Amino acid sequence: MPTNRELRTGLVAASDRLREVNSPDLAAWIDKALAPRGWAALRATDPDGTAGPNLSVMLDKAARDQIVAAAEAAGTSVTDTVNEGYRSLLAGEYTPRKPVRARYGTSAEKVNLNVTPALSLRQQVEEAAGMSAAHVAADYLMRTYKAGPYAGDSAEAPPATGTVRNPQVPRTVRDQIRARAKAAGRMVTDDVNEGFQKYLAGEFTPDAPVWSDTSDVVNLRINPNDDLYVQVASAKGLRPLQVAIAYLLHKYDIDPGTSE
């Protein structure tokens, strides 16, 4: 299935070619579809594209703002993108990431994004996916516009969470990690999985953390992907939780020898 960008590029090329072969009237029809909100006109003839009741999608504020801006720049609506995601799921072309509950007080600011996807699609998605239509909408929007856990070059979902692990770190370090991850709209566990992947790919070389003060040590609760954990444990080097903490310190520029 082509991406929105690939589809747009192909249609632009088709329009240009039609003009080259002296078919400007046909080219004009493609141009209408490529114009801002042109896709909405196409969807208006599709029974499954009929707007349904309002659906409130909860997102990190930064992700919401990025999605709205990206959809506007692409000349489409957020609702159309949600309908696209629903159709992709029902066609077996897309599998949403399972919901992950953030530890209380550690998630970024949440806001509503109101969309009006087709009611028939919404109902089918909830039955097929076994999760809320709002979660599927949020996941597909973040995946499409590379926001939240999908930020970066990869369109794939982050690794699944696994067994709860409790590495011990000074309280000040734990608080810094949580605060900086929250400010970045990230989950600490996703950061650890990212660190494991980079370590296994040879893109990150960790140093074992050395604390200057161990008078107030606490648990940093994480639940990294079990397969990644085993792979790191099998590699020659630091223990997995040492790699995890070393990457968090590196990612958020935290000095283990300071308390601020």
C-alpha atoms as a PDB file:
ATOM      1  CA  MET A   1       0.000   0.000   0.000  1.00  0.00           C
ATOM      2  CA  PRO A   2       1.612   3.316  -1.053  1.00  0.00           C
ATOM      3  CA  THR A   3       2.097   6.089   1.451  1.00  0.00           C
ATOM      4  CA  ASN A   4       0.222   9.384   1.092  1.00  0.00           C
ATOM      5  CA  ARG A   5       3.409  10.980  -0.242  1.00  0.00           C
ATOM      6  CA  GLU A   6       3.968   8.218  -2.840  1.00  0.00           C
ATOM      7  CA  LEU A   7       0.338   8.381  -3.943  1.00  0.00           C
ATOM      8  CA  ARG A   8       0.503  12.153  -4.331  1.00  0.00           C
ATOM      9  CA  THR A   9       3.763  11.944  -6.306  1.00  0.00           C
ATOM     10  CA  GLY A  10       2.285   9.332  -8.630  1.00  0.00           C
ATOM     11  CA  LEU A  11      -0.849  11.369  -9.271  1.00  0.00           C
ATOM     12  CA  VAL A  12       1.155  14.508 -10.000  1.00  0.00           C
ATOM     13  CA  ALA A  13       3.185  12.523 -12.537  1.00  0.00           C
ATOM     14  CA  ALA A  14      -0.025  11.178 -14.083  1.00  0.00           C
ATOM     15  CA  SER A  15      -1.423  14.706 -14.389  1.00  0.00           C
ATOM     16  CA  ASP A  16       1.733  15.920 -16.087  1.00  0.00           C
ATOM     17  CA  ARG A  17       1.700  12.975 -18.495  1.00  0.00           C
ATOM     18  CA  LEU A  18      -1.925  13.593 -19.466  1.00  0.00           C
ATOM     19  CA  ARG A  19      -1.046  17.142 -20.413  1.00  0.00           C
ATOM     20  CA  GLU A  20       1.897  15.885 -22.462  1.00  0.00           C
ATOM     21  CA  VAL A  21      -0.466  13.669 -24.489  1.00  0.00           C
ATOM     22  CA  ASN A  22      -2.918  16.554 -24.965  1.00  0.00           C
ATOM     23  CA  SER A  23      -5.524  15.475 -22.386  1.00  0.00           C
ATOM     24  CA  PRO A  24      -5.729  18.578 -20.171  1.00  0.00           C
ATOM     25  CA  ASP A  25      -9.366  17.919 -19.244  1.00  0.00           C
ATOM     26  CA  LEU A  26      -8.480  14.559 -17.679  1.00  0.00           C
ATOM     27  CA  ALA A  27      -5.446  16.098 -15.972  1.00  0.00           C
ATOM     28  CA  ALA A  28      -7.717  18.716 -14.430  1.00  0.00           C
ATOM     29  CA  TRP A  29      -9.721  16.010 -12.652  1.00  0.00           C
ATOM     30  CA  ILE A  30      -6.559  14.696 -11.013  1.00  0.00           C
ATOM     31  CA  ASP A  31      -5.627  18.242 -10.037  1.00  0.00           C
ATOM     32  CA  LYS A  32      -8.977  18.630  -8.287  1.00  0.00           C
ATOM     33  CA  ALA A  33      -8.274  15.557  -6.176  1.00  0.00           C
ATOM     34  CA  LEU A  34      -4.799  16.868  -5.322  1.00  0.00           C
ATOM     35  CA  ALA A  35      -6.105  20.277  -4.265  1.00  0.00           C
ATOM     36  CA  PRO A  36      -6.584  20.988  -0.536  1.00  0.00           C
ATOM     37  CA  ARG A  37      -9.604  19.029   0.721  1.00  0.00           C
ATOM     38  CA  GLY A  38      -9.808  17.254  -2.653  1.00  0.00           C
ATOM     39  CA  TRP A  39      -9.727  13.877  -0.908  1.00  0.00           C
ATOM     40  CA  ALA A  40     -12.804  14.873   1.082  1.00  0.00           C
ATOM     41  CA  ALA A  41     -14.766  15.260  -2.146  1.00  0.00           C
ATOM     42  CA  LEU A  42     -13.826  11.714  -3.120  1.00  0.00           C
ATOM     43  CA  ARG A  43     -14.835  10.342   0.256  1.00  0.00           C
ATOM     44  CA  ALA A  44     -18.214  12.090   0.060  1.00  0.00           C
ATOM     45  CA  THR A  45     -19.373   9.434  -2.435  1.00  0.00           C
ATOM     46  CA  ASP A  46     -18.230   6.599  -0.173  1.00  0.00           C
ATOM     47  CA  PRO A  47     -20.894   5.371   2.299  1.00  0.00           C
ATOM     48  CA  ASP A  48     -18.162   4.376   4.744  1.00  0.00           C
ATOM     49  CA  GLY A  49     -16.731   7.887   4.581  1.00  0.00           C
ATOM     50  CA  THR A  50     -19.856   9.589   5.912  1.00  0.00           C
ATOM     51  CA  ALA A  51     -19.058  11.565   9.034  1.00  0.00           C
ATOM     52  CA  GLY A  52     -20.237   9.921  12.231  1.00  0.00           C
ATOM     53  CA  PRO A  53     -20.627  11.199  15.791  1.00  0.00           C
ATOM     54  CA  ASN A  54     -17.733  12.984  17.467  1.00  0.00           C
ATOM     55  CA  LEU A  55     -14.902  10.802  18.771  1.00  0.00           C
ATOM     56  CA  SER A  56     -12.530  12.269  21.365  1.00  0.00           C
ATOM     57  CA  VAL A  57      -8.967  11.046  20.855  1.00  0.00           C
ATOM     58  CA  MET A  58      -6.579  11.595  23.758  1.00  0.00           C
ATOM     59  CA  LEU A  59      -3.026  12.510  22.739  1.00  0.00           C
ATOM     60  CA  ASP A  60       0.037  14.165  24.174  1.00  0.00           C
ATOM     61  CA  LYS A  61      -0.271  17.870  23.416  1.00  0.00           C
ATOM     62  CA  ALA A  62       2.942  17.919  21.384  1.00  0.00           C
ATOM     63  CA  ALA A  63       1.766  14.944  19.310  1.00  0.00           C
ATOM     64  CA  ARG A  64      -1.680  16.502  18.754  1.00  0.00           C
ATOM     65  CA  ASP A  65      -0.185  19.768  17.520  1.00  0.00           C
ATOM     66  CA  GLN A  66       2.243  17.927  15.215  1.00  0.00           C
ATOM     67  CA  ILE A  67      -0.543  15.770  13.735  1.00  0.00           C
ATOM     68  CA  VAL A  68      -2.884  18.694  13.065  1.00  0.00           C
ATOM     69  CA  ALA A  69      -0.113  20.712  11.402  1.00  0.00           C
ATOM     70  CA  ALA A  70       1.079  17.764   9.290  1.00  0.00           C
ATOM     71  CA  ALA A  71      -2.428  16.881   8.099  1.00  0.00           C
ATOM     72  CA  GLU A  72      -3.056  20.496   7.121  1.00  0.00           C
ATOM     73  CA  ALA A  73       0.250  20.632   5.239  1.00  0.00           C
ATOM     74  CA  ALA A  74      -0.694  17.429   3.392  1.00  0.00           C
ATOM     75  CA  GLY A  75      -4.021  18.930   2.339  1.00  0.00           C
ATOM     76  CA  THR A  76      -6.093  16.318   4.143  1.00  0.00           C
ATOM     77  CA  SER A  77      -8.174  16.196   7.299  1.00  0.00           C
ATOM     78  CA  VAL A  78      -7.411  14.329  10.485  1.00  0.00           C
ATOM     79  CA  THR A  79     -10.766  12.550  10.212  1.00  0.00           C
ATOM     80  CA  ASP A  80      -9.914  11.300   6.711  1.00  0.00           C
ATOM     81  CA  THR A  81      -6.644   9.931   8.069  1.00  0.00           C
ATOM     82  CA  VAL A  82      -8.494   8.113  10.854  1.00  0.00           C
ATOM     83  CA  ASN A  83     -10.893   6.558   8.322  1.00  0.00           C
ATOM     84  CA  GLU A  84      -7.863   5.490   6.287  1.00  0.00           C
ATOM     85  CA  GLY A  85      -6.416   3.816   9.367  1.00  0.00           C
ATOM     86  CA  TYR A  86      -9.655   2.029  10.118  1.00  0.00           C
ATOM     87  CA  ARG A  87      -9.828   0.684   6.561  1.00  0.00           C
ATOM     88  CA  SER A  88      -6.195  -0.426   6.730  1.00  0.00           C
ATOM     89  CA  LEU A  89      -6.852  -2.314   9.950  1.00  0.00           C
ATOM     90  CA  LEU A  90      -9.944  -4.036   8.562  1.00  0.00           C
ATOM     91  CA  ALA A  91      -7.981  -5.003   5.446  1.00  0.00           C
ATOM     92  CA  GLY A  92      -5.267  -6.580   7.581  1.00  0.00           C
ATOM     93  CA  GLU A  93      -2.671  -4.015   6.454  1.00  0.00           C
ATOM     94  CA  TYR A  94      -2.176  -2.338   9.830  1.00  0.00           C
ATOM     95  CA  THR A  95      -1.967  -3.601  13.405  1.00  0.00           C
ATOM     96  CA  PRO A  96      -2.200  -0.983  16.158  1.00  0.00           C
ATOM     97  CA  ARG A  97       0.114  -0.941  19.115  1.00  0.00           C
ATOM     98  CA  LYS A  98      -1.539  -2.213  22.271  1.00  0.00           C
ATOM     99  CA  PRO A  99      -2.455   0.432  24.864  1.00  0.00           C
ATOM    100  CA  VAL A 100       0.236   1.095  27.473  1.00  0.00           C
ATOM    101  CA  ARG A 101      -0.793   2.690  30.747  1.00  0.00           C
ATOM    102  CA  ALA A 102       1.680   5.289  31.956  1.00  0.00           C
ATOM    103  CA  ARG A 103       2.791   5.285  35.557  1.00  0.00           C
ATOM    104  CA  TYR A 104       0.784   7.897  37.477  1.00  0.00           C
ATOM    105  CA  GLY A 105       2.331  11.334  37.221  1.00  0.00           C
ATOM    106  CA  THR A 106       4.856  10.402  34.508  1.00  0.00           C
ATOM    107  CA  SER A 107       2.867  10.958  31.293  1.00  0.00           C
ATOM    108  CA  ALA A 108       2.996  14.145  29.240  1.00  0.00           C
ATOM    109  CA  GLU A 109       0.088  16.623  29.175  1.00  0.00           C
ATOM    110  CA  LYS A 110      -2.923  15.032  27.470  1.00  0.00           C
ATOM    111  CA  VAL A 111      -5.406  16.888  25.269  1.00  0.00           C
ATOM    112  CA  ASN A 112      -8.422  15.989  23.136  1.00  0.00           C
ATOM    113  CA  LEU A 113      -8.407  15.791  19.362  1.00  0.00           C
ATOM    114  CA  ASN A 114     -11.970  15.627  18.079  1.00  0.00           C
ATOM    115  CA  VAL A 115     -12.634  13.634  14.908  1.00  0.00           C
ATOM    116  CA  THR A 116     -15.782  12.326  13.212  1.00  0.00           C
ATOM    117  CA  PRO A 117     -14.903   8.998  11.577  1.00  0.00           C
ATOM    118  CA  ALA A 118     -17.522   6.895   9.804  1.00  0.00           C
ATOM    119  CA  LEU A 119     -19.698   5.162  12.386  1.00  0.00           C
ATOM    120  CA  SER A 120     -19.782   1.882  10.443  1.00  0.00           C
ATOM    121  CA  LEU A 121     -15.969   1.761  10.316  1.00  0.00           C
ATOM    122  CA  ARG A 122     -15.687   2.721  13.968  1.00  0.00           C
ATOM    123  CA  GLN A 123     -17.960  -0.140  15.042  1.00  0.00           C
ATOM    124  CA  GLN A 124     -16.185  -2.691  12.847  1.00  0.00           C
ATOM    125  CA  VAL A 125     -12.787  -1.625  14.175  1.00  0.00           C
ATOM    126  CA  GLU A 126     -13.777  -2.031  17.805  1.00  0.00           C
ATOM    127  CA  GLU A 127     -15.066  -5.537  17.096  1.00  0.00           C
ATOM    128  CA  ALA A 128     -12.045  -6.552  15.007  1.00  0.00           C
ATOM    129  CA  ALA A 129      -9.295  -4.987  17.103  1.00  0.00           C
ATOM    130  CA  GLY A 130     -10.641  -5.685  20.583  1.00  0.00           C
ATOM    131  CA  MET A 131      -9.682  -2.174  21.672  1.00  0.00           C
ATOM    132  CA  SER A 132     -11.284   1.238  21.595  1.00  0.00           C
ATOM    133  CA  ALA A 133     -11.699   3.040  18.303  1.00  0.00           C
ATOM    134  CA  ALA A 134     -10.166   6.113  19.950  1.00  0.00           C
ATOM    135  CA  HIS A 135      -6.959   4.223  20.743  1.00  0.00           C
ATOM    136  CA  VAL A 136      -6.727   2.881  17.179  1.00  0.00           C
ATOM    137  CA  ALA A 137      -7.256   6.409  15.851  1.00  0.00           C
ATOM    138  CA  ALA A 138      -4.542   7.828  18.102  1.00  0.00           C
ATOM    139  CA  ASP A 139      -2.082   5.086  17.195  1.00  0.00           C
ATOM    140  CA  TYR A 140      -2.643   5.412  13.443  1.00  0.00           C
ATOM    141  CA  LEU A 141      -2.383   9.199  13.531  1.00  0.00           C
ATOM    142  CA  MET A 142       0.906   9.048  15.434  1.00  0.00           C
ATOM    143  CA  ARG A 143       2.195   6.326  13.101  1.00  0.00           C
ATOM    144  CA  THR A 144       1.221   8.256   9.965  1.00  0.00           C
ATOM    145  CA  TYR A 145       2.630  11.593  11.093  1.00  0.00           C
ATOM    146  CA  LYS A 146       5.596  10.166  13.052  1.00  0.00           C
ATOM    147  CA  ALA A 147       4.573  11.584  16.406  1.00  0.00           C
ATOM    148  CA  GLY A 148       4.842  10.259  19.967  1.00  0.00           C
ATOM    149  CA  PRO A 149       6.355   6.749  20.083  1.00  0.00           C
ATOM    150  CA  TYR A 150       6.641   6.729  16.283  1.00  0.00           C
ATOM    151  CA  ALA A 151       8.839   9.823  16.133  1.00  0.00           C
ATOM    152  CA  GLY A 152      11.891   9.259  13.946  1.00  0.00           C
ATOM    153  CA  ASP A 153      12.465   7.392  10.719  1.00  0.00           C
ATOM    154  CA  SER A 154      10.714   4.122  11.525  1.00  0.00           C
ATOM    155  CA  ALA A 155       7.028   3.555  10.805  1.00  0.00           C
ATOM    156  CA  GLU A 156       7.006   0.395  12.876  1.00  0.00           C
ATOM    157  CA  ALA A 157       5.504   0.164  16.324  1.00  0.00           C
ATOM    158  CA  PRO A 158       7.897   0.221  19.268  1.00  0.00           C
ATOM    159  CA  PRO A 159       8.651  -3.215  20.775  1.00  0.00           C
ATOM    160  CA  ALA A 160       6.019  -4.646  23.078  1.00  0.00           C
ATOM    161  CA  THR A 161       6.447  -4.205  26.797  1.00  0.00           C
ATOM    162  CA  GLY A 162       7.558  -7.162  28.903  1.00  0.00           C
ATOM    163  CA  THR A 163       8.354  -8.208  32.453  1.00  0.00           C
ATOM    164  CA  VAL A 164       8.568  -5.500  35.090  1.00  0.00           C
ATOM    165  CA  ARG A 165      12.169  -4.722  36.065  1.00  0.00           C
ATOM    166  CA  ASN A 166      13.292  -2.518  38.933  1.00  0.00           C
ATOM    167  CA  PRO A 167      16.821  -1.161  38.512  1.00  0.00           C
ATOM    168  CA  GLN A 168      17.942   0.865  41.499  1.00  0.00           C
ATOM    169  CA  VAL A 169      19.121   4.430  41.023  1.00  0.00           C
ATOM    170  CA  PRO A 170      19.499   7.488  43.270  1.00  0.00           C
ATOM    171  CA  ARG A 171      16.159   9.211  43.787  1.00  0.00           C
ATOM    172  CA  THR A 172      17.409  12.423  42.151  1.00  0.00           C
ATOM    173  CA  VAL A 173      18.416  10.487  39.034  1.00  0.00           C
ATOM    174  CA  ARG A 174      15.075   8.674  38.855  1.00  0.00           C
ATOM    175  CA  ASP A 175      13.215  11.978  39.156  1.00  0.00           C
ATOM    176  CA  GLN A 176      15.325  13.554  36.409  1.00  0.00           C
ATOM    177  CA  ILE A 177      14.737  10.624  34.046  1.00  0.00           C
ATOM    178  CA  ARG A 178      10.987  10.717  34.582  1.00  0.00           C
ATOM    179  CA  ALA A 179      10.770  14.497  34.251  1.00  0.00           C
ATOM    180  CA  ARG A 180      12.779  14.648  31.044  1.00  0.00           C
ATOM    181  CA  ALA A 181      10.946  11.720  29.469  1.00  0.00           C
ATOM    182  CA  LYS A 182       7.630  13.358  30.362  1.00  0.00           C
ATOM    183  CA  ALA A 183       8.731  16.677  28.865  1.00  0.00           C
ATOM    184  CA  ALA A 184       9.703  14.859  25.657  1.00  0.00           C
ATOM    185  CA  GLY A 185       6.360  13.015  25.517  1.00  0.00           C
ATOM    186  CA  ARG A 186       8.147   9.686  25.888  1.00  0.00           C
ATOM    187  CA  MET A 187       7.674   6.513  27.931  1.00  0.00           C
ATOM    188  CA  VAL A 188      10.788   5.495  29.871  1.00  0.00           C
ATOM    189  CA  THR A 189      10.276   1.871  28.844  1.00  0.00           C
ATOM    190  CA  ASP A 190      10.251   2.858  25.155  1.00  0.00           C
ATOM    191  CA  ASP A 191      13.529   4.685  25.729  1.00  0.00           C
ATOM    192  CA  VAL A 192      15.034   1.560  27.295  1.00  0.00           C
ATOM    193  CA  ASN A 193      13.919  -0.571  24.338  1.00  0.00           C
ATOM    194  CA  GLU A 194      15.435   2.015  22.017  1.00  0.00           C
ATOM    195  CA  GLY A 195      18.689   1.806  23.974  1.00  0.00           C
ATOM    196  CA  PHE A 196      18.703  -1.995  23.822  1.00  0.00           C
ATOM    197  CA  GLN A 197      18.215  -1.904  20.039  1.00  0.00           C
ATOM    198  CA  LYS A 198      21.029   0.597  19.544  1.00  0.00           C
ATOM    199  CA  TYR A 199      23.302  -1.404  21.856  1.00  0.00           C
ATOM    200  CA  LEU A 200      22.654  -4.631  19.934  1.00  0.00           C
ATOM    201  CA  ALA A 201      23.203  -2.818  16.627  1.00  0.00           C
ATOM    202  CA  GLY A 202      26.547  -1.469  17.827  1.00  0.00           C
ATOM    203  CA  GLU A 203      25.261   2.116  17.771  1.00  0.00           C
ATOM    204  CA  PHE A 204      25.593   2.702  21.521  1.00  0.00           C
ATOM    205  CA  THR A 205      28.526   1.792  23.761  1.00  0.00           C
ATOM    206  CA  PRO A 206      27.546   2.109  27.433  1.00  0.00           C
ATOM    207  CA  ASP A 207      29.650   2.766  30.488  1.00  0.00           C
ATOM    208  CA  ALA A 208      28.516   1.263  33.773  1.00  0.00           C
ATOM    209  CA  PRO A 209      26.885   4.051  35.818  1.00  0.00           C
ATOM    210  CA  VAL A 210      28.828   5.084  38.932  1.00  0.00           C
ATOM    211  CA  TRP A 211      26.811   6.976  41.530  1.00  0.00           C
ATOM    212  CA  SER A 212      28.419   9.659  43.642  1.00  0.00           C
ATOM    213  CA  ASP A 213      25.760   9.311  46.349  1.00  0.00           C
ATOM    214  CA  THR A 214      23.912   6.091  47.233  1.00  0.00           C
ATOM    215  CA  SER A 215      22.323   7.232  50.467  1.00  0.00           C
ATOM    216  CA  ASP A 216      18.848   7.450  48.901  1.00  0.00           C
ATOM    217  CA  VAL A 217      18.415   4.708  46.299  1.00  0.00           C
ATOM    218  CA  VAL A 218      15.005   3.833  44.827  1.00  0.00           C
ATOM    219  CA  ASN A 219      13.521   1.612  42.126  1.00  0.00           C
ATOM    220  CA  LEU A 220      12.997   2.892  38.576  1.00  0.00           C
ATOM    221  CA  ARG A 221      10.119   0.730  37.385  1.00  0.00           C
ATOM    222  CA  ILE A 222      10.414  -0.291  33.722  1.00  0.00           C
ATOM    223  CA  ASN A 223       9.110  -3.197  31.656  1.00  0.00           C
ATOM    224  CA  PRO A 224      11.332  -3.564  28.581  1.00  0.00           C
ATOM    225  CA  ASN A 225      10.677  -6.041  25.804  1.00  0.00           C
ATOM    226  CA  ASP A 226      11.592  -9.541  27.000  1.00  0.00           C
ATOM    227  CA  ASP A 227      13.232 -10.641  23.726  1.00  0.00           C
ATOM    228  CA  LEU A 228      15.464  -7.581  23.666  1.00  0.00           C
ATOM    229  CA  TYR A 229      16.309  -8.105  27.334  1.00  0.00           C
ATOM    230  CA  VAL A 230      17.422 -11.686  26.675  1.00  0.00           C
ATOM    231  CA  GLN A 231      19.504 -10.633  23.674  1.00  0.00           C
ATOM    232  CA  VAL A 232      21.280  -7.968  25.703  1.00  0.00           C
ATOM    233  CA  ALA A 233      21.844 -10.459  28.528  1.00  0.00           C
ATOM    234  CA  SER A 234      23.410 -12.894  26.035  1.00  0.00           C
ATOM    235  CA  ALA A 235      25.778 -10.299  24.610  1.00  0.00           C
ATOM    236  CA  LYS A 236      29.228  -9.855  26.091  1.00  0.00           C
ATOM    237  CA  GLY A 237      29.227  -6.695  28.131  1.00  0.00           C
ATOM    238  CA  LEU A 238      27.213  -4.971  30.809  1.00  0.00           C
ATOM    239  CA  ARG A 239      24.109  -6.453  32.370  1.00  0.00           C
ATOM    240  CA  PRO A 240      20.820  -5.410  30.703  1.00  0.00           C
ATOM    241  CA  LEU A 241      19.750  -3.069  33.482  1.00  0.00           C
ATOM    242  CA  GLN A 242      23.148  -1.385  33.426  1.00  0.00           C
ATOM    243  CA  VAL A 243      22.738  -0.851  29.690  1.00  0.00           C
ATOM    244  CA  ALA A 244      19.224   0.487  30.290  1.00  0.00           C
ATOM    245  CA  ILE A 245      20.297   3.063  32.861  1.00  0.00           C
ATOM    246  CA  ALA A 246      23.415   4.039  30.890  1.00  0.00           C
ATOM    247  CA  TYR A 247      21.254   4.773  27.846  1.00  0.00           C
ATOM    248  CA  LEU A 248      18.767   6.833  29.843  1.00  0.00           C
ATOM    249  CA  LEU A 249      21.601   8.908  31.283  1.00  0.00           C
ATOM    250  CA  HIS A 250      23.017   9.348  27.791  1.00  0.00           C
ATOM    251  CA  LYS A 251      19.691  10.181  26.106  1.00  0.00           C
ATOM    252  CA  TYR A 252      18.685  12.776  28.686  1.00  0.00           C
ATOM    253  CA  ASP A 253      22.193  14.111  29.355  1.00  0.00           C
ATOM    254  CA  ILE A 254      22.112  13.284  33.065  1.00  0.00           C
ATOM    255  CA  ASP A 255      25.398  13.232  34.980  1.00  0.00           C
ATOM    256  CA  PRO A 256      25.436  10.338  37.496  1.00  0.00           C
ATOM    257  CA  GLY A 257      27.867  12.349  39.601  1.00  0.00           C
ATOM    258  CA  THR A 258      25.458  15.225  40.211  1.00  0.00           C
ATOM    259  CA  SER A 259      22.206  15.557  42.103  1.00  0.00           C
ATOM    260  CA  GLU A 260      20.592  18.216  39.886  1.00  0.00           C
END
